[in-house]
C-alpha atoms as a PDB file:
ATOM      1  CA  MET A   1      16.369   6.869 -13.974  1.00  0.00           C
ATOM      2  CA  THR A   2      13.553   7.120 -11.426  1.00  0.00           C
ATOM      3  CA  THR A   3      10.466   9.187 -12.196  1.00  0.00           C
ATOM      4  CA  VAL A   4       8.932  11.843  -9.953  1.00  0.00           C
ATOM      5  CA  HIS A   5       6.316   9.331  -8.742  1.00  0.00           C
ATOM      6  CA  GLU A   6       8.989   6.779  -7.904  1.00  0.00           C
ATOM      7  CA  GLN A   7      11.052   9.376  -6.020  1.00  0.00           C
ATOM      8  CA  THR A   8       7.925  10.391  -4.080  1.00  0.00           C
ATOM      9  CA  ALA A   9       7.248   6.773  -3.080  1.00  0.00           C
ATOM     10  CA  ILE A  10      10.868   6.168  -2.039  1.00  0.00           C
ATOM     11  CA  LYS A  11      10.952   9.305   0.146  1.00  0.00           C
ATOM     12  CA  ALA A  12       7.705   8.231   1.820  1.00  0.00           C
ATOM     13  CA  THR A  13       9.246   4.835   2.596  1.00  0.00           C
ATOM     14  CA  TYR A  14      12.277   6.441   4.272  1.00  0.00           C
ATOM     15  CA  PHE A  15       9.821   8.434   6.371  1.00  0.00           C
ATOM     16  CA  SER A  16       8.123   5.173   7.419  1.00  0.00           C
ATOM     17  CA  ILE A  17      11.416   3.495   8.351  1.00  0.00           C
ATOM     18  CA  VAL A  18      12.570   6.353  10.591  1.00  0.00           C
ATOM     19  CA  GLY A  19       9.135   6.738  12.193  1.00  0.00           C
ATOM     20  CA  ASN A  20       8.677   3.029  12.898  1.00  0.00           C
ATOM     21  CA  ALA A  21      12.155   2.640  14.367  1.00  0.00           C
ATOM     22  CA  SER A  22      11.574   5.538  16.766  1.00  0.00           C
ATOM     23  CA  LEU A  23       8.159   4.288  17.814  1.00  0.00           C
ATOM     24  CA  ALA A  24       9.325   0.707  18.338  1.00  0.00           C
ATOM     25  CA  VAL A  25      11.880   1.926  20.892  1.00  0.00           C
ATOM     26  CA  VAL A  26       9.410   4.224  22.686  1.00  0.00           C
ATOM     27  CA  LYS A  27       6.656   1.595  22.854  1.00  0.00           C
ATOM     28  CA  GLY A  28       8.993  -1.197  23.890  1.00  0.00           C
ATOM     29  CA  LEU A  29      10.469   0.784  26.773  1.00  0.00           C
ATOM     30  CA  ALA A  30       7.076   2.099  27.890  1.00  0.00           C
ATOM     31  CA  GLY A  31       5.543  -1.387  27.738  1.00  0.00           C
ATOM     32  CA  PHE A  32       8.393  -3.004  29.663  1.00  0.00           C
ATOM     33  CA  PHE A  33       8.604  -0.431  32.445  1.00  0.00           C
ATOM     34  CA  GLY A  34       4.863   0.243  32.470  1.00  0.00           C
ATOM     35  CA  ASN A  35       3.765  -3.435  32.780  1.00  0.00           C
ATOM     36  CA  SER A  36       1.687  -3.228  29.579  1.00  0.00           C
ATOM     37  CA  TYR A  37       1.716  -6.160  27.177  1.00  0.00           C
ATOM     38  CA  ALA A  38      -0.559  -4.234  24.806  1.00  0.00           C
ATOM     39  CA  LEU A  39       2.231  -1.673  24.442  1.00  0.00           C
ATOM     40  CA  ILE A  40       4.828  -4.413  24.014  1.00  0.00           C
ATOM     41  CA  ALA A  41       2.598  -5.966  21.324  1.00  0.00           C
ATOM     42  CA  ASP A  42       2.430  -2.534  19.728  1.00  0.00           C
ATOM     43  CA  ALA A  43       6.236  -2.373  19.782  1.00  0.00           C
ATOM     44  CA  ILE A  44       6.444  -5.808  18.142  1.00  0.00           C
ATOM     45  CA  GLU A  45       4.253  -4.612  15.295  1.00  0.00           C
ATOM     46  CA  SER A  46       6.315  -1.434  14.864  1.00  0.00           C
ATOM     47  CA  THR A  47       9.464  -3.571  14.717  1.00  0.00           C
ATOM     48  CA  THR A  48       8.035  -5.771  11.956  1.00  0.00           C
ATOM     49  CA  ASP A  49       6.959  -2.573  10.204  1.00  0.00           C
ATOM     50  CA  ILE A  50      10.616  -1.521  10.003  1.00  0.00           C
ATOM     51  CA  PHE A  51      11.563  -4.687   8.128  1.00  0.00           C
ATOM     52  CA  SER A  52       8.509  -4.516   5.875  1.00  0.00           C
ATOM     53  CA  SER A  53       9.301  -0.868   5.031  1.00  0.00           C
ATOM     54  CA  PHE A  54      12.809  -1.915   4.000  1.00  0.00           C
ATOM     55  CA  LEU A  55      11.212  -4.545   1.749  1.00  0.00           C
ATOM     56  CA  VAL A  56       8.918  -1.905   0.256  1.00  0.00           C
ATOM     57  CA  LEU A  57      11.949   0.312  -0.366  1.00  0.00           C
ATOM     58  CA  PHE A  58      13.745  -2.545  -2.116  1.00  0.00           C
ATOM     59  CA  GLY A  59      10.646  -3.306  -4.194  1.00  0.00           C
ATOM     60  CA  LEU A  60      10.209   0.317  -5.247  1.00  0.00           C
ATOM     61  CA  LYS A  61      13.846   0.644  -6.305  1.00  0.00           C
ATOM     62  CA  TYR A  62      13.850  -2.688  -8.127  1.00  0.00           C
ATOM     63  CA  SER A  63      10.522  -2.089  -9.881  1.00  0.00           C
ATOM     64  CA  SER A  64      11.762   1.306 -11.135  1.00  0.00           C
ATOM     65  CA  ARG A  65      14.515  -0.348 -13.182  1.00  0.00           C
ATOM     66  CA  PRO A  66      14.099   0.303 -16.906  1.00  0.00           C
ATOM     67  CA  ALA A  67      12.949  -2.364 -19.351  1.00  0.00           C
ATOM     68  CA  ASP A  68      15.603  -4.719 -20.709  1.00  0.00           C
ATOM     69  CA  LYS A  69      15.851  -7.698 -23.048  1.00  0.00           C
ATOM     70  CA  ASN A  70      14.511 -10.152 -20.464  1.00  0.00           C
ATOM     71  CA  HIS A  71      11.900  -7.745 -19.075  1.00  0.00           C
ATOM     72  CA  PRO A  72      10.458  -5.792 -22.023  1.00  0.00           C
ATOM     73  CA  TYR A  73       7.644  -4.395 -19.831  1.00  0.00           C
ATOM     74  CA  GLY A  74      10.031  -3.364 -17.066  1.00  0.00           C
ATOM     75  CA  HIS A  75      10.331  -4.739 -13.527  1.00  0.00           C
ATOM     76  CA  GLY A  76       7.099  -3.336 -12.086  1.00  0.00           C
ATOM     77  CA  ARG A  77       5.621  -6.707 -11.138  1.00  0.00           C
ATOM     78  CA  ALA A  78       8.194  -6.927  -8.355  1.00  0.00           C
ATOM     79  CA  GLU A  79       6.090  -4.433  -6.404  1.00  0.00           C
ATOM     80  CA  PRO A  80       2.985  -6.597  -5.770  1.00  0.00           C
ATOM     81  CA  LEU A  81       5.291  -9.528  -4.989  1.00  0.00           C
ATOM     82  CA  ILE A  82       6.914  -7.411  -2.278  1.00  0.00           C
ATOM     83  CA  THR A  83       3.412  -6.534  -1.072  1.00  0.00           C
ATOM     84  CA  PHE A  84       2.742 -10.254  -0.526  1.00  0.00           C
ATOM     85  CA  ILE A  85       5.870 -10.500   1.625  1.00  0.00           C
ATOM     86  CA  VAL A  86       4.816  -7.411   3.596  1.00  0.00           C
ATOM     87  CA  VAL A  87       1.448  -9.079   4.242  1.00  0.00           C
ATOM     88  CA  GLY A  88       3.376 -12.107   5.488  1.00  0.00           C
ATOM     89  CA  PHE A  89       5.133  -9.869   8.026  1.00  0.00           C
ATOM     90  CA  LEU A  90       1.774  -8.527   9.171  1.00  0.00           C
ATOM     91  CA  ILE A  91       0.304 -12.006   9.604  1.00  0.00           C
ATOM     92  CA  THR A  92       3.398 -13.145  11.497  1.00  0.00           C
ATOM     93  CA  SER A  93       3.265 -10.181  13.890  1.00  0.00           C
ATOM     94  CA  ALA A  94      -0.490 -10.706  14.438  1.00  0.00           C
ATOM     95  CA  THR A  95       0.089 -14.384  15.234  1.00  0.00           C
ATOM     96  CA  ILE A  96       2.865 -13.606  17.739  1.00  0.00           C
ATOM     97  CA  ILE A  97       0.736 -10.939  19.433  1.00  0.00           C
ATOM     98  CA  ALA A  98      -2.285 -13.270  19.649  1.00  0.00           C
ATOM     99  CA  TYR A  99      -0.213 -16.129  21.065  1.00  0.00           C
ATOM    100  CA  GLU A 100       1.440 -13.967  23.732  1.00  0.00           C
ATOM    101  CA  SER A 101      -1.882 -12.294  24.599  1.00  0.00           C
ATOM    102  CA  ILE A 102      -3.639 -15.622  25.184  1.00  0.00           C
ATOM    103  CA  LYS A 103      -0.693 -16.829  27.259  1.00  0.00           C
ATOM    104  CA  ASN A 104      -0.720 -13.649  29.379  1.00  0.00           C
ATOM    105  CA  ILE A 105      -4.486 -13.766  29.930  1.00  0.00           C
ATOM    106  CA  GLY A 106      -3.973 -16.941  31.965  1.00  0.00           C
ATOM    107  CA  THR A 107      -0.927 -15.594  33.825  1.00  0.00           C
ATOM    108  CA  PRO A 108      -1.367 -13.318  36.878  1.00  0.00           C
ATOM    109  CA  HIS A 109       0.462 -10.003  36.513  1.00  0.00           C
ATOM    110  CA  GLU A 110       0.464  -6.430  37.746  1.00  0.00           C
ATOM    111  CA  LEU A 111      -1.737  -3.597  36.527  1.00  0.00           C
ATOM    112  CA  PRO A 112      -0.250  -1.336  33.827  1.00  0.00           C
ATOM    113  CA  LYS A 113       1.222   1.956  34.985  1.00  0.00           C
ATOM    114  CA  PHE A 114      -0.998   5.040  34.693  1.00  0.00           C
ATOM    115  CA  TRP A 115       1.634   7.052  32.826  1.00  0.00           C
ATOM    116  CA  THR A 116       1.527   4.637  29.857  1.00  0.00           C
ATOM    117  CA  LEU A 117      -1.704   6.359  28.775  1.00  0.00           C
ATOM    118  CA  PHE A 118       0.210   9.596  28.243  1.00  0.00           C
ATOM    119  CA  VAL A 119       2.666   7.726  26.037  1.00  0.00           C
ATOM    120  CA  LEU A 120      -0.083   6.220  23.895  1.00  0.00           C
ATOM    121  CA  ILE A 121      -2.141   9.316  23.093  1.00  0.00           C
ATOM    122  CA  PRO A 122       0.535  11.211  21.101  1.00  0.00           C
ATOM    123  CA  LEU A 123       1.588   7.936  19.445  1.00  0.00           C
ATOM    124  CA  ILE A 124      -1.954   7.354  18.151  1.00  0.00           C
ATOM    125  CA  ILE A 125      -2.139  10.879  16.742  1.00  0.00           C
ATOM    126  CA  TRP A 126       1.271  10.542  15.088  1.00  0.00           C
ATOM    127  CA  LYS A 127       0.499   7.154  13.513  1.00  0.00           C
ATOM    128  CA  GLU A 128      -2.768   8.415  12.036  1.00  0.00           C
ATOM    129  CA  ILE A 129      -0.957  11.456  10.607  1.00  0.00           C
ATOM    130  CA  SER A 130       1.673   9.083   9.195  1.00  0.00           C
ATOM    131  CA  PHE A 131      -1.059   6.959   7.587  1.00  0.00           C
ATOM    132  CA  GLN A 132      -2.610   9.994   5.919  1.00  0.00           C
ATOM    133  CA  LEU A 133       0.741  11.281   4.636  1.00  0.00           C
ATOM    134  CA  VAL A 134       1.975   7.936   3.271  1.00  0.00           C
ATOM    135  CA  MET A 135      -1.413   7.039   1.744  1.00  0.00           C
ATOM    136  CA  LYS A 136      -1.471  10.402  -0.043  1.00  0.00           C
ATOM    137  CA  LYS A 137       1.945   9.650  -1.543  1.00  0.00           C
ATOM    138  CA  ALA A 138       0.824   6.097  -2.406  1.00  0.00           C
ATOM    139  CA  ASN A 139      -2.180   7.434  -4.328  1.00  0.00           C
ATOM    140  CA  GLU A 140      -0.020  10.009  -6.088  1.00  0.00           C
ATOM    141  CA  SER A 141       2.501   7.365  -7.170  1.00  0.00           C
ATOM    142  CA  ASN A 142       0.031   4.491  -7.840  1.00  0.00           C
ATOM    143  CA  SER A 143       2.145   2.231  -5.622  1.00  0.00           C
ATOM    144  CA  SER A 144       0.437  -0.863  -4.186  1.00  0.00           C
ATOM    145  CA  SER A 145       3.351  -1.674  -1.865  1.00  0.00           C
ATOM    146  CA  LEU A 146       3.387   1.898  -0.512  1.00  0.00           C
ATOM    147  CA  LYS A 147      -0.351   1.565   0.187  1.00  0.00           C
ATOM    148  CA  ALA A 148       0.485  -1.575   2.154  1.00  0.00           C
ATOM    149  CA  ASP A 149       3.098   0.438   4.043  1.00  0.00           C
ATOM    150  CA  ALA A 150       0.497   3.136   4.756  1.00  0.00           C
ATOM    151  CA  TRP A 151      -1.882   0.536   6.169  1.00  0.00           C
ATOM    152  CA  HIS A 152       0.885  -0.520   8.527  1.00  0.00           C
ATOM    153  CA  HIS A 153       0.605   2.950  10.073  1.00  0.00           C
ATOM    154  CA  ARG A 154      -3.192   2.699  10.318  1.00  0.00           C
ATOM    155  CA  SER A 155      -3.086  -0.782  11.887  1.00  0.00           C
ATOM    156  CA  ASP A 156      -0.430   0.490  14.279  1.00  0.00           C
ATOM    157  CA  ALA A 157      -2.735   3.351  15.278  1.00  0.00           C
ATOM    158  CA  ILE A 158      -5.620   0.926  15.848  1.00  0.00           C
ATOM    159  CA  THR A 159      -3.364  -1.337  17.910  1.00  0.00           C
ATOM    160  CA  SER A 160      -2.455   1.674  20.035  1.00  0.00           C
ATOM    161  CA  VAL A 161      -6.132   2.626  20.430  1.00  0.00           C
ATOM    162  CA  ALA A 162      -6.862  -0.941  21.601  1.00  0.00           C
ATOM    163  CA  ALA A 163      -3.967  -0.677  24.054  1.00  0.00           C
ATOM    164  CA  LEU A 164      -5.300   2.657  25.311  1.00  0.00           C
ATOM    165  CA  ILE A 165      -8.754   1.183  25.912  1.00  0.00           C
ATOM    166  CA  GLY A 166      -7.355  -1.965  27.562  1.00  0.00           C
ATOM    167  CA  ILE A 167      -5.054  -0.050  29.887  1.00  0.00           C
ATOM    168  CA  SER A 168      -7.831   2.422  30.771  1.00  0.00           C
ATOM    169  CA  ILE A 169     -10.216  -0.411  31.703  1.00  0.00           C
ATOM    170  CA  ALA A 170      -7.549  -2.156  33.764  1.00  0.00           C
ATOM    171  CA  LEU A 171      -6.669   1.034  35.632  1.00  0.00           C
ATOM    172  CA  TYR A 172     -10.285   2.169  36.151  1.00  0.00           C
ATOM    173  CA  PHE A 173     -11.621  -1.132  37.513  1.00  0.00           C
ATOM    174  CA  GLY A 174      -8.381  -2.101  39.247  1.00  0.00           C
ATOM    175  CA  LYS A 175      -7.587  -5.524  40.665  1.00  0.00           C
ATOM    176  CA  GLY A 176      -9.185  -8.368  38.756  1.00  0.00           C
ATOM    177  CA  TYR A 177      -9.104  -6.472  35.440  1.00  0.00           C
ATOM    178  CA  GLU A 178      -5.362  -6.774  34.755  1.00  0.00           C
ATOM    179  CA  THR A 179      -6.079  -8.910  31.673  1.00  0.00           C
ATOM    180  CA  ALA A 180      -8.028  -6.108  29.936  1.00  0.00           C
ATOM    181  CA  ASP A 181      -4.678  -4.981  28.570  1.00  0.00           C
ATOM    182  CA  ASP A 182      -4.061  -8.448  27.108  1.00  0.00           C
ATOM    183  CA  TRP A 183      -7.561  -8.715  25.657  1.00  0.00           C
ATOM    184  CA  ALA A 184      -6.914  -5.388  23.922  1.00  0.00           C
ATOM    185  CA  ALA A 185      -3.735  -6.798  22.357  1.00  0.00           C
ATOM    186  CA  LEU A 186      -5.680  -9.887  21.219  1.00  0.00           C
ATOM    187  CA  PHE A 187      -8.319  -7.691  19.580  1.00  0.00           C
ATOM    188  CA  ALA A 188      -5.564  -5.715  17.859  1.00  0.00           C
ATOM    189  CA  SER A 189      -4.114  -8.922  16.379  1.00  0.00           C
ATOM    190  CA  GLY A 190      -7.493  -9.700  14.792  1.00  0.00           C
ATOM    191  CA  PHE A 191      -7.632  -6.234  13.269  1.00  0.00           C
ATOM    192  CA  ILE A 192      -4.131  -6.653  11.853  1.00  0.00           C
ATOM    193  CA  LEU A 193      -5.220  -9.901  10.157  1.00  0.00           C
ATOM    194  CA  TYR A 194      -8.227  -8.113   8.655  1.00  0.00           C
ATOM    195  CA  ASN A 195      -5.995  -5.365   7.286  1.00  0.00           C
ATOM    196  CA  SER A 196      -3.664  -8.004   5.879  1.00  0.00           C
ATOM    197  CA  TYR A 197      -6.464  -9.241   3.647  1.00  0.00           C
ATOM    198  CA  LYS A 198      -7.325  -5.689   2.556  1.00  0.00           C
ATOM    199  CA  ILE A 199      -3.713  -5.168   1.492  1.00  0.00           C
ATOM    200  CA  PHE A 200      -3.360  -8.603  -0.129  1.00  0.00           C
ATOM    201  CA  ARG A 201      -6.490  -8.492  -2.310  1.00  0.00           C
ATOM    202  CA  PRO A 202      -5.595  -5.512  -4.590  1.00  0.00           C
ATOM    203  CA  ALA A 203      -2.039  -6.823  -5.045  1.00  0.00           C
ATOM    204  CA  LEU A 204      -3.448 -10.203  -6.105  1.00  0.00           C
ATOM    205  CA  GLY A 205      -5.727  -8.424  -8.572  1.00  0.00           C
ATOM    206  CA  GLU A 206      -2.691  -6.648 -10.015  1.00  0.00           C
ATOM    207  CA  ILE A 207      -0.799  -9.919 -10.492  1.00  0.00           C
ATOM    208  CA  MET A 208      -3.875 -11.565 -12.082  1.00  0.00           C
ATOM    209  CA  ASP A 209      -4.500  -8.601 -14.442  1.00  0.00           C
ATOM    210  CA  GLU A 210      -8.027  -8.012 -13.145  1.00  0.00           C
ATOM    211  CA  ASN A 211     -10.082  -5.309 -14.854  1.00  0.00           C
ATOM    212  CA  LEU A 212     -10.053  -2.723 -12.067  1.00  0.00           C
ATOM    213  CA  TYR A 213      -9.465   0.475 -14.015  1.00  0.00           C
ATOM    214  CA  ASP A 214     -12.776   1.634 -15.498  1.00  0.00           C
ATOM    215  CA  ASP A 215     -12.102   5.279 -14.616  1.00  0.00           C
ATOM    216  CA  LEU A 216      -8.743   5.186 -16.382  1.00  0.00           C
ATOM    217  CA  ILE A 217     -10.304   3.505 -19.435  1.00  0.00           C
ATOM    218  CA  TYR A 218     -12.848   6.338 -19.579  1.00  0.00           C
ATOM    219  CA  ASP A 219     -10.044   8.928 -19.507  1.00  0.00           C
ATOM    220  CA  ILE A 220      -8.125   7.087 -22.238  1.00  0.00           C
ATOM    221  CA  ARG A 221     -11.172   6.997 -24.508  1.00  0.00           C
ATOM    222  CA  LYS A 222     -11.886  10.677 -23.849  1.00  0.00           C
ATOM    223  CA  VAL A 223      -8.315  11.764 -24.646  1.00  0.00           C
ATOM    224  CA  SER A 224      -8.208   9.527 -27.736  1.00  0.00           C
ATOM    225  CA  LEU A 225     -11.113  11.365 -29.367  1.00  0.00           C
ATOM    226  CA  THR A 226      -9.143  14.616 -29.209  1.00  0.00           C
ATOM    227  CA  VAL A 227      -6.505  13.200 -31.586  1.00  0.00           C
ATOM    228  CA  ASP A 228      -6.908  14.186 -35.223  1.00  0.00           C
ATOM    229  CA  GLY A 229      -7.858  11.152 -37.321  1.00  0.00           C
ATOM    230  CA  VAL A 230      -9.280   9.012 -34.507  1.00  0.00           C
ATOM    231  CA  VAL A 231     -12.974   8.354 -35.161  1.00  0.00           C
ATOM    232  CA  ASP A 232     -13.675   6.184 -32.119  1.00  0.00           C
ATOM    233  CA  THR A 233     -12.168   3.563 -29.796  1.00  0.00           C
ATOM    234  CA  GLU A 234     -13.092  -0.090 -29.359  1.00  0.00           C
ATOM    235  CA  LYS A 235     -11.311  -2.533 -27.052  1.00  0.00           C
ATOM    236  CA  CYS A 236      -9.205  -1.085 -24.264  1.00  0.00           C
ATOM    237  CA  PHE A 237      -7.264  -3.379 -21.948  1.00  0.00           C
ATOM    238  CA  ILE A 238      -5.158  -2.210 -19.008  1.00  0.00           C
ATOM    239  CA  ARG A 239      -2.757  -4.036 -16.757  1.00  0.00           C
ATOM    240  CA  LYS A 240      -0.769  -2.495 -13.946  1.00  0.00           C
ATOM    241  CA  ALA A 241       2.910  -3.162 -13.310  1.00  0.00           C
ATOM    242  CA  GLY A 242       4.496  -1.243 -10.464  1.00  0.00           C
ATOM    243  CA  MET A 243       3.491   2.387 -10.764  1.00  0.00           C
ATOM    244  CA  LYS A 244       2.717   2.226 -14.484  1.00  0.00           C
ATOM    245  CA  TYR A 245      -0.363   1.169 -16.456  1.00  0.00           C
ATOM    246  CA  HIS A 246       0.231  -0.666 -19.741  1.00  0.00           C
ATOM    247  CA  VAL A 247      -2.494  -0.181 -22.351  1.00  0.00           C
ATOM    248  CA  ASP A 248      -3.739  -2.116 -25.410  1.00  0.00           C
ATOM    249  CA  LEU A 249      -6.133   0.119 -27.333  1.00  0.00           C
ATOM    250  CA  HIS A 250      -8.094  -0.462 -30.542  1.00  0.00           C
ATOM    251  CA  ALA A 251      -8.722   2.840 -32.324  1.00  0.00           C
ATOM    252  CA  THR A 252     -10.948   3.236 -35.382  1.00  0.00           C
ATOM    253  CA  VAL A 253      -9.920   5.512 -38.265  1.00  0.00           C
ATOM    254  CA  ASP A 254     -11.297   6.274 -41.711  1.00  0.00           C
ATOM    255  CA  ALA A 255     -11.081   3.047 -43.733  1.00  0.00           C
ATOM    256  CA  ASN A 256      -9.830   4.964 -46.792  1.00  0.00           C
ATOM    257  CA  VAL A 257      -6.647   6.386 -45.244  1.00  0.00           C
ATOM    258  CA  SER A 258      -3.318   4.910 -46.335  1.00  0.00           C
ATOM    259  CA  VAL A 259      -1.291   2.532 -44.192  1.00  0.00           C
ATOM    260  CA  LYS A 260       1.237   5.343 -43.695  1.00  0.00           C
ATOM    261  CA  ASP A 261      -1.453   7.770 -42.488  1.00  0.00           C
ATOM    262  CA  GLY A 262      -2.909   5.138 -40.163  1.00  0.00           C
ATOM    263  CA  HIS A 263       0.566   4.547 -38.756  1.00  0.00           C
ATOM    264  CA  GLU A 264       1.032   8.270 -38.113  1.00  0.00           C
ATOM    265  CA  ILE A 265      -2.380   8.516 -36.417  1.00  0.00           C
ATOM    266  CA  ALA A 266      -1.408   5.629 -34.123  1.00  0.00           C
ATOM    267  CA  HIS A 267       1.820   7.405 -33.156  1.00  0.00           C
ATOM    268  CA  ARG A 268       0.028  10.695 -32.517  1.00  0.00           C
ATOM    269  CA  LEU A 269      -2.506   8.851 -30.359  1.00  0.00           C
ATOM    270  CA  LYS A 270       0.192   7.071 -28.370  1.00  0.00           C
ATOM    271  CA  ASP A 271       2.171  10.280 -27.786  1.00  0.00           C
ATOM    272  CA  THR A 272      -0.952  12.217 -26.764  1.00  0.00           C
ATOM    273  CA  LEU A 273      -2.062   9.548 -24.290  1.00  0.00           C
ATOM    274  CA  ARG A 274       1.358   9.321 -22.645  1.00  0.00           C
ATOM    275  CA  ASN A 275       1.626  13.104 -22.467  1.00  0.00           C
ATOM    276  CA  ASP A 276      -1.879  13.699 -21.045  1.00  0.00           C
ATOM    277  CA  ILE A 277      -1.885  10.672 -18.716  1.00  0.00           C
ATOM    278  CA  PRO A 278       1.678  10.444 -17.317  1.00  0.00           C
ATOM    279  CA  GLN A 279       1.077   7.211 -15.346  1.00  0.00           C
ATOM    280  CA  LEU A 280       0.784   5.232 -18.591  1.00  0.00           C
ATOM    281  CA  GLY A 281       3.684   2.964 -19.495  1.00  0.00           C
ATOM    282  CA  HIS A 282       3.633   0.935 -22.736  1.00  0.00           C
ATOM    283  CA  VAL A 283       0.795   1.917 -25.062  1.00  0.00           C
ATOM    284  CA  LEU A 284       0.017  -0.438 -27.940  1.00  0.00           C
ATOM    285  CA  ILE A 285      -2.364   0.972 -30.572  1.00  0.00           C
ATOM    286  CA  HIS A 286      -4.232  -1.320 -32.960  1.00  0.00           C
ATOM    287  CA  ILE A 287      -5.876   0.473 -35.881  1.00  0.00           C
ATOM    288  CA  GLU A 288      -9.397  -0.601 -36.957  1.00  0.00           C
ATOM    289  CA  PRO A 289     -11.114   0.609 -40.171  1.00  0.00           C
ATOM    290  CA  ASN A 290     -14.293   2.653 -39.824  1.00  0.00           C
ATOM    291  CA  GLU A 291     -16.364   1.627 -42.849  1.00  0.00           C
ATOM    292  CA  TYR A 292     -19.669   3.328 -41.990  1.00  0.00           C
END
């Protein structure tokens, strides 16, 4: 059964798929009939975004599967793996755009049509709104792959801004500046590669169990001290899998309590943490004696 966070992430992905499909058609037609390769490059990126959003959707649904015998911690690690594939789509689209841009720079062609500017402006606004909406849902659901999907919208907006600038320069200066449109597409490909790294790095950290959650550790320690019987906390390790954070926590209790009482304190601590911090998954409590 999917959680509220997982449902939020899945709905946001459907939004991305519909939006990218619509924009790919609009940009492709406008670029073809308006003699703008920057717009065609933009359409190529939107098309790859459709496929990457489907991958994100698959990853979210697969990672939300419950734990089983072979996967006692669940299937959450599928999500950063999907993120790597999404980054691969981004790099591929950037490479295609760069190749075609360089080829077009050396090929004489007509100036873009003036009306293409009026296509680009609302597209830029919409893609930035889409980025903000999807990133908000990604932060709410702690989804790394949905953050990658959100950055697709932002890179798409930047690509459109580059196209707008390139077309404007070509139209303003006229003959001899036809390639400004292609240079804009080439710049956009470089920006897409930069964003690819920004998406890849956190997902790699998740796979490698990097210590990236100091704020969450602080919250866990703070909540732990509210539990009756917990004197203090020692080691606290966190690793992220999908939209959940798995915790290993060492809690100190009075050294004179019985094993049974220590066991009950550990259960109260675990239940309190999972209730107060809903994004926690497995919580393993190790009891340490406080002998001072």
